[in-house]
């Protein structure tokens, strides 16, 4: 199952909590998840500095579990909105017989 995960702010978090060491740890963990095939794509939004991940997981629960292993999530500095995706079926309309 393909899942879109959009980073959302956690109210009350001080920007000073995002230390260089912690951000390096986060990047290293994201790299491991990418190498394992769980994170398929990883971006920052162009309009604000938040992450956008495309995950490949068996379920929403698995996606939540995977995201909970990220250092920034474990420390409650960020969270994610998790959106399940399905394939676009609209092209079938192009081939319907009238």
Foldseek 3Di string as FASTA:
>chain_A
DKKKKWKDFDPPADPVVPDPVLVVQLVVLVVVCCVVQQFVDWDADPVDGIIITIGDDPDPVVVQVSVCPRSCNVVVGIGIDMGDDDDDPVVVVVVDDD
